[in-house]
N, C-alpha and C. Protein backbone atom coordinates (compact mmCIF):
# COMPACT_ATOMS: atom_id res chain seq x y z
N UNK A 1 -0.47 -0.35 -8.82
CA UNK A 1 0.78 -1.11 -8.96
C UNK A 1 1.30 -0.98 -10.39
N UNK A 2 0.40 -0.89 -11.38
CA UNK A 2 0.83 -0.73 -12.76
C UNK A 2 1.60 0.58 -12.95
N UNK A 3 1.13 1.64 -12.31
CA UNK A 3 1.83 2.93 -12.41
C UNK A 3 3.21 2.86 -11.77
N UNK A 4 3.31 2.17 -10.65
CA UNK A 4 4.60 2.04 -9.97
C UNK A 4 5.55 1.15 -10.76
N UNK A 5 5.00 0.15 -11.44
CA UNK A 5 5.83 -0.70 -12.29
C UNK A 5 6.47 0.12 -13.40
N UNK A 6 5.72 1.09 -13.92
CA UNK A 6 6.22 1.93 -15.01
C UNK A 6 7.37 2.83 -14.58
N UNK A 7 7.43 3.19 -13.29
CA UNK A 7 8.50 4.09 -12.84
C UNK A 7 9.69 3.34 -12.24
N UNK A 8 9.64 2.00 -12.25
CA UNK A 8 10.81 1.25 -11.80
C UNK A 8 10.58 0.21 -10.74
N UNK A 9 9.34 0.07 -10.24
CA UNK A 9 9.07 -0.96 -9.23
C UNK A 9 8.78 -2.26 -9.97
N UNK A 10 9.84 -2.88 -10.46
CA UNK A 10 9.74 -4.12 -11.24
C UNK A 10 11.06 -4.87 -11.11
N UNK A 11 11.15 -6.10 -11.62
CA UNK A 11 12.37 -6.90 -11.45
C UNK A 11 13.64 -6.27 -12.00
N UNK A 12 13.52 -5.42 -13.04
CA UNK A 12 14.71 -4.84 -13.66
C UNK A 12 14.90 -3.37 -13.29
N UNK A 13 14.05 -2.83 -12.43
CA UNK A 13 14.14 -1.42 -12.04
C UNK A 13 14.88 -1.26 -10.73
N UNK A 14 14.19 -0.67 -9.74
CA UNK A 14 14.79 -0.50 -8.42
C UNK A 14 15.16 -1.84 -7.82
N UNK A 15 16.06 -1.81 -6.82
CA UNK A 15 16.39 -3.06 -6.15
C UNK A 15 15.17 -3.56 -5.38
N UNK A 16 15.20 -4.84 -5.01
CA UNK A 16 14.03 -5.49 -4.41
C UNK A 16 13.61 -4.83 -3.09
N UNK A 17 14.58 -4.41 -2.29
CA UNK A 17 14.27 -3.82 -0.99
C UNK A 17 13.56 -2.48 -1.15
N UNK A 18 14.07 -1.64 -2.06
CA UNK A 18 13.43 -0.35 -2.32
C UNK A 18 12.03 -0.52 -2.89
N UNK A 19 11.89 -1.45 -3.83
CA UNK A 19 10.58 -1.70 -4.43
C UNK A 19 9.58 -2.20 -3.40
N UNK A 20 10.04 -3.04 -2.48
CA UNK A 20 9.14 -3.56 -1.45
C UNK A 20 8.72 -2.45 -0.50
N UNK A 21 9.63 -1.52 -0.23
CA UNK A 21 9.26 -0.39 0.63
C UNK A 21 8.26 0.53 -0.06
N UNK A 22 8.41 0.71 -1.37
CA UNK A 22 7.41 1.43 -2.14
C UNK A 22 6.05 0.75 -1.98
N UNK A 23 6.05 -0.56 -2.12
CA UNK A 23 4.79 -1.31 -2.01
C UNK A 23 4.17 -1.16 -0.62
N UNK A 24 4.99 -1.35 0.42
CA UNK A 24 4.45 -1.34 1.79
C UNK A 24 3.98 0.05 2.23
N UNK A 25 4.51 1.11 1.61
CA UNK A 25 4.14 2.47 2.01
C UNK A 25 3.10 3.12 1.11
N UNK A 26 2.95 2.62 -0.13
CA UNK A 26 2.03 3.25 -1.07
C UNK A 26 0.89 2.32 -1.48
N UNK A 27 1.22 1.10 -1.86
CA UNK A 27 0.20 0.18 -2.38
C UNK A 27 -0.55 -0.53 -1.25
N UNK A 28 0.18 -1.10 -0.30
CA UNK A 28 -0.46 -1.89 0.75
C UNK A 28 -1.46 -1.09 1.59
N UNK A 29 -1.19 0.20 1.93
CA UNK A 29 -2.20 0.95 2.68
C UNK A 29 -3.55 1.02 1.98
N UNK A 30 -3.56 0.97 0.64
CA UNK A 30 -4.83 0.96 -0.07
C UNK A 30 -5.56 -0.37 0.12
N UNK A 31 -4.80 -1.46 0.20
CA UNK A 31 -5.40 -2.76 0.47
C UNK A 31 -5.92 -2.83 1.90
N UNK A 32 -5.26 -2.11 2.80
CA UNK A 32 -5.59 -2.18 4.23
C UNK A 32 -6.74 -1.28 4.64
N UNK A 33 -7.21 -0.45 3.72
CA UNK A 33 -8.23 0.54 4.08
C UNK A 33 -9.47 -0.13 4.69
N UNK A 34 -9.80 0.23 5.90
CA UNK A 34 -10.99 -0.29 6.57
C UNK A 34 -10.81 -1.63 7.26
N UNK A 35 -9.65 -2.27 7.11
CA UNK A 35 -9.46 -3.60 7.69
C UNK A 35 -9.36 -3.57 9.20
N UNK A 36 -8.91 -2.44 9.75
CA UNK A 36 -8.73 -2.35 11.20
C UNK A 36 -10.05 -2.44 11.96
N UNK A 37 -11.15 -2.06 11.32
CA UNK A 37 -12.44 -2.04 12.00
C UNK A 37 -13.41 -3.06 11.41
N UNK A 38 -12.90 -3.96 10.58
CA UNK A 38 -13.77 -4.93 9.90
C UNK A 38 -13.43 -6.35 10.31
N UNK A 39 -14.45 -7.16 10.50
CA UNK A 39 -14.26 -8.59 10.70
C UNK A 39 -14.18 -9.24 9.32
N UNK A 40 -12.97 -9.49 8.85
CA UNK A 40 -12.75 -9.93 7.47
C UNK A 40 -13.11 -11.40 7.32
N UNK A 41 -13.90 -11.70 6.31
CA UNK A 41 -14.28 -13.09 6.03
C UNK A 41 -13.16 -13.79 5.28
N UNK A 42 -13.17 -15.11 5.34
CA UNK A 42 -12.09 -15.89 4.73
C UNK A 42 -12.01 -15.67 3.22
N UNK A 43 -13.15 -15.52 2.58
CA UNK A 43 -13.15 -15.30 1.13
C UNK A 43 -12.52 -13.95 0.78
N UNK A 44 -12.83 -12.93 1.56
CA UNK A 44 -12.23 -11.61 1.34
C UNK A 44 -10.74 -11.65 1.63
N UNK A 45 -10.35 -12.39 2.66
CA UNK A 45 -8.94 -12.50 3.02
C UNK A 45 -8.14 -13.15 1.90
N UNK A 46 -8.71 -14.17 1.26
CA UNK A 46 -8.03 -14.84 0.16
C UNK A 46 -7.77 -13.87 -1.00
N UNK A 47 -8.74 -13.00 -1.28
CA UNK A 47 -8.58 -12.03 -2.36
C UNK A 47 -7.48 -11.02 -2.03
N UNK A 48 -7.46 -10.57 -0.77
CA UNK A 48 -6.43 -9.60 -0.36
C UNK A 48 -5.05 -10.24 -0.39
N UNK A 49 -4.95 -11.48 0.10
CA UNK A 49 -3.67 -12.20 0.05
C UNK A 49 -3.22 -12.40 -1.39
N UNK A 50 -4.16 -12.74 -2.27
CA UNK A 50 -3.83 -12.95 -3.68
C UNK A 50 -3.32 -11.66 -4.32
N UNK A 51 -3.91 -10.54 -3.95
CA UNK A 51 -3.48 -9.25 -4.48
C UNK A 51 -2.05 -8.93 -4.03
N UNK A 52 -1.76 -9.16 -2.75
CA UNK A 52 -0.40 -8.93 -2.25
C UNK A 52 0.59 -9.87 -2.94
N UNK A 53 0.19 -11.12 -3.13
CA UNK A 53 1.07 -12.08 -3.79
C UNK A 53 1.42 -11.64 -5.21
N UNK A 54 0.44 -11.12 -5.93
CA UNK A 54 0.69 -10.65 -7.29
C UNK A 54 1.66 -9.47 -7.29
N UNK A 55 1.50 -8.57 -6.32
CA UNK A 55 2.40 -7.41 -6.23
C UNK A 55 3.84 -7.87 -5.97
N UNK A 56 4.01 -8.81 -5.05
CA UNK A 56 5.36 -9.29 -4.72
C UNK A 56 5.98 -10.04 -5.89
N UNK A 57 5.19 -10.80 -6.60
CA UNK A 57 5.72 -11.52 -7.76
C UNK A 57 6.17 -10.55 -8.85
N UNK A 58 5.47 -9.43 -8.98
CA UNK A 58 5.87 -8.43 -9.97
C UNK A 58 7.17 -7.74 -9.55
N UNK A 59 7.36 -7.59 -8.24
CA UNK A 59 8.60 -6.98 -7.74
C UNK A 59 9.78 -7.92 -7.91
N UNK A 60 9.59 -9.18 -7.53
CA UNK A 60 10.68 -10.16 -7.57
C UNK A 60 10.83 -10.84 -8.93
N UNK A 61 9.85 -10.67 -9.81
CA UNK A 61 9.90 -11.36 -11.10
C UNK A 61 9.65 -12.84 -10.96
N UNK A 62 8.89 -13.22 -9.94
CA UNK A 62 8.61 -14.63 -9.70
C UNK A 62 7.47 -15.15 -10.57
N UNK A 63 7.43 -16.45 -10.71
CA UNK A 63 6.36 -17.10 -11.45
C UNK A 63 5.24 -17.49 -10.49
N UNK A 64 4.19 -18.09 -11.03
CA UNK A 64 3.07 -18.51 -10.19
C UNK A 64 3.47 -19.62 -9.23
N UNK A 65 4.61 -20.27 -9.50
CA UNK A 65 5.08 -21.35 -8.63
C UNK A 65 6.13 -20.88 -7.62
N UNK A 66 6.52 -19.62 -7.70
CA UNK A 66 7.52 -19.09 -6.76
C UNK A 66 6.94 -19.00 -5.36
N UNK A 67 7.78 -19.20 -4.37
CA UNK A 67 7.33 -19.21 -2.98
C UNK A 67 7.12 -17.79 -2.44
N UNK A 68 5.87 -17.44 -2.21
CA UNK A 68 5.55 -16.15 -1.62
C UNK A 68 6.04 -16.08 -0.18
N UNK A 69 6.01 -17.20 0.51
CA UNK A 69 6.47 -17.24 1.90
C UNK A 69 7.92 -16.78 2.00
N UNK A 70 8.75 -17.22 1.06
CA UNK A 70 10.16 -16.83 1.07
C UNK A 70 10.31 -15.35 0.74
N UNK A 71 9.54 -14.86 -0.24
CA UNK A 71 9.61 -13.43 -0.60
C UNK A 71 9.27 -12.56 0.60
N UNK A 72 8.20 -12.91 1.30
CA UNK A 72 7.79 -12.13 2.48
C UNK A 72 8.87 -12.16 3.56
N UNK A 73 9.47 -13.33 3.74
CA UNK A 73 10.49 -13.46 4.78
C UNK A 73 11.77 -12.70 4.41
N UNK A 74 12.12 -12.69 3.13
CA UNK A 74 13.33 -11.98 2.70
C UNK A 74 13.24 -10.49 3.04
N UNK A 75 12.07 -9.91 2.85
CA UNK A 75 11.90 -8.47 3.08
C UNK A 75 11.26 -8.17 4.44
N UNK A 76 11.07 -9.22 5.25
CA UNK A 76 10.51 -9.09 6.61
C UNK A 76 9.15 -8.39 6.60
N UNK A 77 8.25 -8.90 5.76
CA UNK A 77 6.89 -8.37 5.69
C UNK A 77 5.91 -9.44 6.16
N UNK A 78 4.86 -9.06 6.90
CA UNK A 78 3.87 -10.05 7.35
C UNK A 78 2.91 -10.41 6.23
N UNK A 79 2.23 -11.53 6.41
CA UNK A 79 1.14 -11.86 5.49
C UNK A 79 0.00 -10.88 5.75
N UNK A 80 -0.96 -10.81 4.83
CA UNK A 80 -2.08 -9.90 5.02
C UNK A 80 -2.92 -10.32 6.22
N UNK A 81 -2.99 -11.61 6.49
CA UNK A 81 -3.74 -12.08 7.66
C UNK A 81 -3.11 -11.56 8.94
N UNK A 82 -1.78 -11.66 9.02
CA UNK A 82 -1.07 -11.13 10.19
C UNK A 82 -1.21 -9.62 10.28
N UNK A 83 -1.14 -8.97 9.12
CA UNK A 83 -1.26 -7.51 9.08
C UNK A 83 -2.64 -7.07 9.59
N UNK A 84 -3.68 -7.79 9.21
CA UNK A 84 -5.03 -7.48 9.68
C UNK A 84 -5.11 -7.60 11.19
N UNK A 85 -4.53 -8.67 11.73
CA UNK A 85 -4.54 -8.86 13.18
C UNK A 85 -3.82 -7.72 13.90
N UNK A 86 -2.71 -7.26 13.31
CA UNK A 86 -1.95 -6.16 13.91
C UNK A 86 -2.77 -4.86 13.89
N UNK A 87 -3.39 -4.57 12.74
CA UNK A 87 -4.19 -3.35 12.61
C UNK A 87 -5.37 -3.36 13.58
N UNK A 88 -6.02 -4.50 13.69
CA UNK A 88 -7.17 -4.60 14.59
C UNK A 88 -6.75 -4.44 16.05
N UNK A 89 -5.62 -5.04 16.41
CA UNK A 89 -5.13 -4.91 17.78
C UNK A 89 -4.76 -3.46 18.10
N UNK A 90 -4.16 -2.76 17.13
CA UNK A 90 -3.82 -1.35 17.33
C UNK A 90 -5.09 -0.52 17.52
N UNK A 91 -6.11 -0.83 16.72
CA UNK A 91 -7.38 -0.09 16.84
C UNK A 91 -8.01 -0.31 18.22
N UNK A 92 -8.04 -1.56 18.66
CA UNK A 92 -8.62 -1.87 19.97
C UNK A 92 -7.83 -1.19 21.09
N UNK A 93 -6.51 -1.18 20.93
CA UNK A 93 -5.67 -0.55 21.95
C UNK A 93 -5.93 0.95 22.02
N UNK A 94 -6.13 1.58 20.84
CA UNK A 94 -6.40 3.01 20.82
C UNK A 94 -7.75 3.35 21.48
N UNK A 95 -8.74 2.50 21.23
CA UNK A 95 -10.06 2.77 21.81
C UNK A 95 -10.03 2.67 23.33
N UNK A 96 -9.21 1.77 23.85
CA UNK A 96 -9.10 1.63 25.31
C UNK A 96 -8.42 2.85 25.92
N UNK A 97 -7.52 3.48 25.14
CA UNK A 97 -6.77 4.63 25.65
C UNK A 97 -7.47 5.97 25.42
N UNK A 98 -8.72 5.95 24.96
CA UNK A 98 -9.41 7.22 24.70
C UNK A 98 -9.66 7.98 26.01
N UNK A 99 -9.66 9.32 25.95
CA UNK A 99 -9.92 10.12 27.16
C UNK A 99 -11.30 9.84 27.75
N UNK A 100 -11.45 10.10 29.02
CA UNK A 100 -12.69 9.75 29.71
C UNK A 100 -13.86 10.68 29.39
N UNK A 101 -13.62 11.74 28.59
CA UNK A 101 -14.73 12.62 28.21
C UNK A 101 -15.24 12.34 26.80
N UNK A 102 -14.83 11.19 26.22
CA UNK A 102 -15.26 10.83 24.86
C UNK A 102 -16.42 9.84 24.91
N UNK A 103 -17.15 9.78 23.80
CA UNK A 103 -18.28 8.85 23.71
C UNK A 103 -17.80 7.41 23.75
N UNK A 104 -16.66 7.13 23.09
CA UNK A 104 -16.13 5.76 23.08
C UNK A 104 -15.85 5.26 24.49
N UNK A 105 -15.31 6.12 25.32
CA UNK A 105 -15.02 5.74 26.70
C UNK A 105 -16.30 5.35 27.43
N UNK A 106 -17.39 6.05 27.15
CA UNK A 106 -18.68 5.75 27.79
C UNK A 106 -19.27 4.45 27.25
N UNK A 107 -19.00 4.15 25.99
CA UNK A 107 -19.57 2.95 25.38
C UNK A 107 -18.79 1.68 25.70
N UNK A 108 -17.52 1.82 26.03
CA UNK A 108 -16.65 0.65 26.22
C UNK A 108 -17.20 -0.39 27.20
N UNK A 109 -17.71 -0.01 28.35
CA UNK A 109 -18.21 -1.04 29.27
C UNK A 109 -19.29 -1.92 28.65
N UNK A 110 -20.04 -1.37 27.69
CA UNK A 110 -21.10 -2.15 27.04
C UNK A 110 -20.56 -2.97 25.87
N UNK A 111 -19.80 -2.32 24.97
CA UNK A 111 -19.37 -3.02 23.75
C UNK A 111 -18.30 -4.07 24.01
N UNK A 112 -17.68 -4.05 25.19
CA UNK A 112 -16.67 -5.06 25.51
C UNK A 112 -17.29 -6.38 25.98
N UNK A 113 -18.59 -6.42 26.15
CA UNK A 113 -19.26 -7.65 26.60
C UNK A 113 -19.74 -8.46 25.40
N UNK A 114 -19.79 -9.78 25.56
CA UNK A 114 -20.23 -10.65 24.47
C UNK A 114 -21.70 -10.46 24.14
N UNK A 115 -22.49 -10.06 25.12
CA UNK A 115 -23.93 -9.88 24.88
C UNK A 115 -24.24 -8.68 23.99
N UNK A 116 -23.27 -7.79 23.82
CA UNK A 116 -23.50 -6.61 22.98
C UNK A 116 -23.52 -6.95 21.49
N UNK A 117 -22.85 -8.07 21.12
CA UNK A 117 -22.73 -8.47 19.70
C UNK A 117 -22.17 -7.32 18.85
N UNK A 118 -21.33 -6.53 19.45
CA UNK A 118 -20.79 -5.35 18.76
C UNK A 118 -19.64 -5.73 17.83
N UNK A 119 -19.38 -4.86 16.89
CA UNK A 119 -18.24 -5.05 15.99
C UNK A 119 -16.94 -5.02 16.77
N UNK A 120 -16.88 -4.18 17.79
CA UNK A 120 -15.69 -4.08 18.64
C UNK A 120 -15.38 -5.43 19.26
N UNK A 121 -16.41 -6.09 19.79
CA UNK A 121 -16.20 -7.39 20.44
C UNK A 121 -15.77 -8.45 19.43
N UNK A 122 -16.28 -8.38 18.21
CA UNK A 122 -15.91 -9.35 17.17
C UNK A 122 -14.42 -9.25 16.84
N UNK A 123 -13.87 -8.06 16.94
CA UNK A 123 -12.45 -7.87 16.63
C UNK A 123 -11.53 -8.47 17.70
N UNK A 124 -12.07 -8.71 18.88
CA UNK A 124 -11.24 -9.21 19.99
C UNK A 124 -10.92 -10.70 19.88
N UNK A 125 -11.48 -11.38 18.86
CA UNK A 125 -11.22 -12.82 18.74
C UNK A 125 -9.92 -13.11 18.00
N UNK A 126 -9.24 -12.07 17.50
CA UNK A 126 -7.98 -12.30 16.77
C UNK A 126 -6.92 -12.85 17.72
N UNK A 127 -6.06 -13.74 17.22
CA UNK A 127 -5.04 -14.35 18.09
C UNK A 127 -4.08 -13.35 18.72
N UNK A 128 -3.77 -12.27 18.00
CA UNK A 128 -2.86 -11.26 18.56
C UNK A 128 -3.51 -10.55 19.75
N UNK A 129 -4.78 -10.20 19.63
CA UNK A 129 -5.44 -9.52 20.74
C UNK A 129 -5.61 -10.45 21.94
N UNK A 130 -5.79 -11.73 21.67
CA UNK A 130 -5.88 -12.69 22.79
C UNK A 130 -4.57 -12.72 23.58
N UNK A 131 -3.45 -12.60 22.86
CA UNK A 131 -2.16 -12.52 23.56
C UNK A 131 -2.08 -11.23 24.38
N UNK A 132 -2.61 -10.15 23.82
CA UNK A 132 -2.62 -8.88 24.56
C UNK A 132 -3.51 -8.97 25.79
N UNK A 133 -4.61 -9.71 25.66
CA UNK A 133 -5.58 -9.81 26.75
C UNK A 133 -5.08 -10.68 27.90
N UNK A 134 -4.00 -11.45 27.66
CA UNK A 134 -3.44 -12.25 28.75
C UNK A 134 -2.89 -11.36 29.86
N UNK A 135 -2.41 -10.19 29.46
CA UNK A 135 -2.09 -9.16 30.46
C UNK A 135 -3.30 -8.21 30.51
N UNK A 136 -3.27 -7.28 31.40
CA UNK A 136 -4.38 -6.33 31.51
C UNK A 136 -4.31 -5.34 30.35
N UNK A 137 -5.27 -5.38 29.38
CA UNK A 137 -5.20 -4.46 28.24
C UNK A 137 -5.18 -3.00 28.63
N UNK A 138 -5.81 -2.68 29.77
CA UNK A 138 -5.84 -1.28 30.22
C UNK A 138 -4.45 -0.78 30.62
N UNK A 139 -3.55 -1.71 30.95
CA UNK A 139 -2.19 -1.33 31.36
C UNK A 139 -1.18 -1.53 30.23
N UNK A 140 -1.66 -1.86 29.03
CA UNK A 140 -0.77 -2.18 27.91
C UNK A 140 -0.29 -0.89 27.24
N UNK A 141 1.03 -0.69 27.19
CA UNK A 141 1.57 0.46 26.49
C UNK A 141 2.19 0.01 25.17
N UNK A 142 2.74 0.96 24.41
CA UNK A 142 3.27 0.65 23.08
C UNK A 142 4.46 -0.30 23.15
N UNK A 143 5.31 -0.11 24.16
CA UNK A 143 6.49 -0.97 24.28
C UNK A 143 6.09 -2.42 24.51
N UNK A 144 5.14 -2.64 25.40
CA UNK A 144 4.67 -4.00 25.66
C UNK A 144 3.96 -4.59 24.45
N UNK A 145 3.19 -3.73 23.75
CA UNK A 145 2.48 -4.21 22.56
C UNK A 145 3.47 -4.63 21.48
N UNK A 146 4.54 -3.87 21.28
CA UNK A 146 5.55 -4.23 20.28
C UNK A 146 6.19 -5.57 20.61
N UNK A 147 6.44 -5.81 21.89
CA UNK A 147 7.04 -7.09 22.30
C UNK A 147 6.07 -8.24 22.04
N UNK A 148 4.79 -8.03 22.33
CA UNK A 148 3.78 -9.07 22.07
C UNK A 148 3.65 -9.32 20.57
N UNK A 149 3.66 -8.24 19.79
CA UNK A 149 3.55 -8.37 18.33
C UNK A 149 4.75 -9.13 17.76
N UNK A 150 5.93 -8.84 18.28
CA UNK A 150 7.13 -9.55 17.82
C UNK A 150 7.03 -11.04 18.11
N UNK A 151 6.58 -11.39 19.32
CA UNK A 151 6.41 -12.80 19.68
C UNK A 151 5.36 -13.48 18.80
N UNK A 152 4.29 -12.75 18.50
CA UNK A 152 3.22 -13.29 17.65
C UNK A 152 3.73 -13.58 16.24
N UNK A 153 4.48 -12.64 15.67
CA UNK A 153 5.02 -12.83 14.32
C UNK A 153 6.05 -13.95 14.29
N UNK A 154 6.87 -14.05 15.34
CA UNK A 154 7.86 -15.12 15.41
C UNK A 154 7.17 -16.48 15.49
N UNK A 155 6.13 -16.57 16.28
CA UNK A 155 5.39 -17.84 16.40
C UNK A 155 4.72 -18.20 15.08
N UNK A 156 4.17 -17.21 14.39
CA UNK A 156 3.54 -17.46 13.08
C UNK A 156 4.57 -17.96 12.07
N UNK A 157 5.77 -17.35 12.11
CA UNK A 157 6.84 -17.79 11.20
C UNK A 157 7.25 -19.22 11.49
N UNK A 158 7.40 -19.56 12.75
CA UNK A 158 7.78 -20.93 13.12
C UNK A 158 6.71 -21.93 12.71
N UNK A 159 5.45 -21.54 12.81
CA UNK A 159 4.36 -22.43 12.37
C UNK A 159 4.40 -22.65 10.87
N UNK A 160 4.73 -21.59 10.11
CA UNK A 160 4.84 -21.75 8.66
C UNK A 160 6.03 -22.64 8.29
N UNK A 161 7.12 -22.49 9.02
CA UNK A 161 8.31 -23.32 8.76
C UNK A 161 8.02 -24.79 9.04
N UNK A 162 7.16 -25.07 10.01
CA UNK A 162 6.84 -26.45 10.37
C UNK A 162 5.94 -27.12 9.36
N UNK A 163 5.37 -26.33 8.45
CA UNK A 163 4.49 -26.89 7.42
C UNK A 163 5.31 -27.76 6.47
N UNK A 164 4.71 -28.85 6.00
CA UNK A 164 5.42 -29.77 5.10
C UNK A 164 5.76 -29.13 3.76
N UNK A 165 5.03 -28.08 3.37
CA UNK A 165 5.27 -27.42 2.08
C UNK A 165 6.20 -26.21 2.20
N UNK A 166 6.91 -26.10 3.31
CA UNK A 166 7.76 -24.93 3.55
C UNK A 166 9.24 -25.30 3.65
N UNK A 167 9.70 -26.13 2.73
CA UNK A 167 11.10 -26.56 2.75
C UNK A 167 12.04 -25.38 2.50
N UNK A 168 11.71 -24.55 1.50
CA UNK A 168 12.55 -23.39 1.19
C UNK A 168 12.55 -22.38 2.33
N UNK A 169 11.38 -22.15 2.92
CA UNK A 169 11.28 -21.19 4.02
C UNK A 169 12.06 -21.65 5.24
N UNK A 170 12.00 -22.93 5.53
CA UNK A 170 12.71 -23.45 6.70
C UNK A 170 14.22 -23.38 6.53
N UNK A 171 14.70 -23.23 5.28
CA UNK A 171 16.14 -23.11 5.03
C UNK A 171 16.62 -21.66 5.15
N UNK A 172 15.69 -20.71 5.31
CA UNK A 172 16.06 -19.30 5.46
C UNK A 172 16.48 -19.00 6.89
N UNK A 173 16.97 -17.79 7.09
CA UNK A 173 17.37 -17.36 8.43
C UNK A 173 16.16 -17.36 9.37
N UNK A 174 16.33 -17.81 10.61
CA UNK A 174 15.20 -17.87 11.54
C UNK A 174 14.80 -16.52 12.12
N UNK A 175 15.66 -15.50 11.97
CA UNK A 175 15.35 -14.19 12.54
C UNK A 175 14.40 -13.42 11.62
N UNK A 176 13.53 -12.63 12.23
CA UNK A 176 12.61 -11.78 11.47
C UNK A 176 13.27 -10.43 11.19
N UNK A 177 14.20 -10.46 10.24
CA UNK A 177 14.90 -9.25 9.80
C UNK A 177 15.02 -9.30 8.29
N UNK A 178 15.31 -8.15 7.69
CA UNK A 178 15.54 -8.12 6.24
C UNK A 178 16.77 -8.96 5.93
N UNK A 179 16.65 -9.87 4.97
CA UNK A 179 17.75 -10.76 4.64
C UNK A 179 18.95 -9.95 4.11
N UNK A 180 20.15 -10.23 4.61
CA UNK A 180 21.35 -9.47 4.19
C UNK A 180 21.61 -9.49 2.69
N UNK A 181 21.13 -10.50 1.98
CA UNK A 181 21.40 -10.53 0.53
C UNK A 181 20.70 -9.38 -0.20
N UNK A 182 19.77 -8.70 0.47
CA UNK A 182 19.07 -7.58 -0.16
C UNK A 182 19.77 -6.25 0.06
N UNK A 183 20.71 -6.19 1.03
CA UNK A 183 21.35 -4.90 1.29
C UNK A 183 22.88 -4.95 1.32
N UNK A 184 23.48 -6.12 1.38
CA UNK A 184 24.95 -6.18 1.33
C UNK A 184 25.46 -5.72 -0.03
N UNK A 185 26.60 -5.00 -0.06
CA UNK A 185 27.13 -4.52 -1.35
C UNK A 185 27.50 -5.69 -2.27
N UNK A 186 26.96 -5.69 -3.46
CA UNK A 186 27.27 -6.71 -4.48
C UNK A 186 26.71 -6.24 -5.81
N UNK A 187 27.12 -6.89 -6.87
CA UNK A 187 26.64 -6.51 -8.19
C UNK A 187 25.20 -6.97 -8.39
N UNK A 188 24.55 -6.42 -9.40
CA UNK A 188 23.16 -6.78 -9.70
C UNK A 188 23.04 -8.27 -10.02
N UNK A 189 24.00 -8.79 -10.79
CA UNK A 189 23.96 -10.21 -11.18
C UNK A 189 24.13 -11.11 -9.97
N UNK A 190 25.07 -10.75 -9.08
CA UNK A 190 25.30 -11.56 -7.87
C UNK A 190 24.06 -11.57 -6.97
N UNK A 191 23.44 -10.39 -6.80
CA UNK A 191 22.25 -10.31 -5.95
C UNK A 191 21.10 -11.12 -6.56
N UNK A 192 20.96 -11.01 -7.87
CA UNK A 192 19.90 -11.75 -8.56
C UNK A 192 20.08 -13.26 -8.40
N UNK A 193 21.32 -13.72 -8.49
CA UNK A 193 21.59 -15.15 -8.31
C UNK A 193 21.26 -15.61 -6.89
N UNK A 194 21.63 -14.81 -5.90
CA UNK A 194 21.36 -15.17 -4.51
C UNK A 194 19.86 -15.21 -4.23
N UNK A 195 19.13 -14.24 -4.79
CA UNK A 195 17.68 -14.23 -4.58
C UNK A 195 17.03 -15.44 -5.24
N UNK A 196 17.48 -15.76 -6.45
CA UNK A 196 16.93 -16.95 -7.13
C UNK A 196 17.27 -18.21 -6.36
N UNK A 197 18.46 -18.25 -5.77
CA UNK A 197 18.85 -19.41 -4.95
C UNK A 197 17.96 -19.52 -3.72
N UNK A 198 17.68 -18.38 -3.06
CA UNK A 198 16.80 -18.39 -1.90
C UNK A 198 15.39 -18.87 -2.28
N UNK A 199 14.93 -18.44 -3.44
CA UNK A 199 13.57 -18.76 -3.87
C UNK A 199 13.46 -20.14 -4.51
N UNK A 200 14.61 -20.81 -4.63
CA UNK A 200 14.59 -22.16 -5.18
C UNK A 200 14.40 -22.22 -6.68
């Protein structure tokens, strides 16, 4: 992130939307390495969330008291916890779709049971995968998964808005889209004022 800050991914460099896309395509994948197949502990999750929060504050120029929830919502990015659930669900979905001549296909009947105590089974406790399991996972395609993921993220957003400490977030747009103040034509000063207004 320090190297990217030097080339313009900072409050006075590229615009916030471009900087966030740099982060989500270059920096965040390094944080996500191995998370799709790991049962992440709460202590590890806090460190990963803290790392993402620091990156976003460097992009937006926020202080330690600035609302990370609002920053994430402005650029339509999930929390790291939600991102982990998405990655794990994608991994589980891929393993179910493996061809019948692979070793994974042969192992699935065993590792899908609770008695196996397998890492695969531990990943199935995520709330997103539970939503996927309400339908037949073997019949789940990408289109259905995207719809389930969208509902999951929307429900998570509504739960955050209902929190007593989310006054600023609850005042934002309820849709999970990039906030128009980040892409509508306007001067740098006008955009900066609107972002500061959103962030309180």
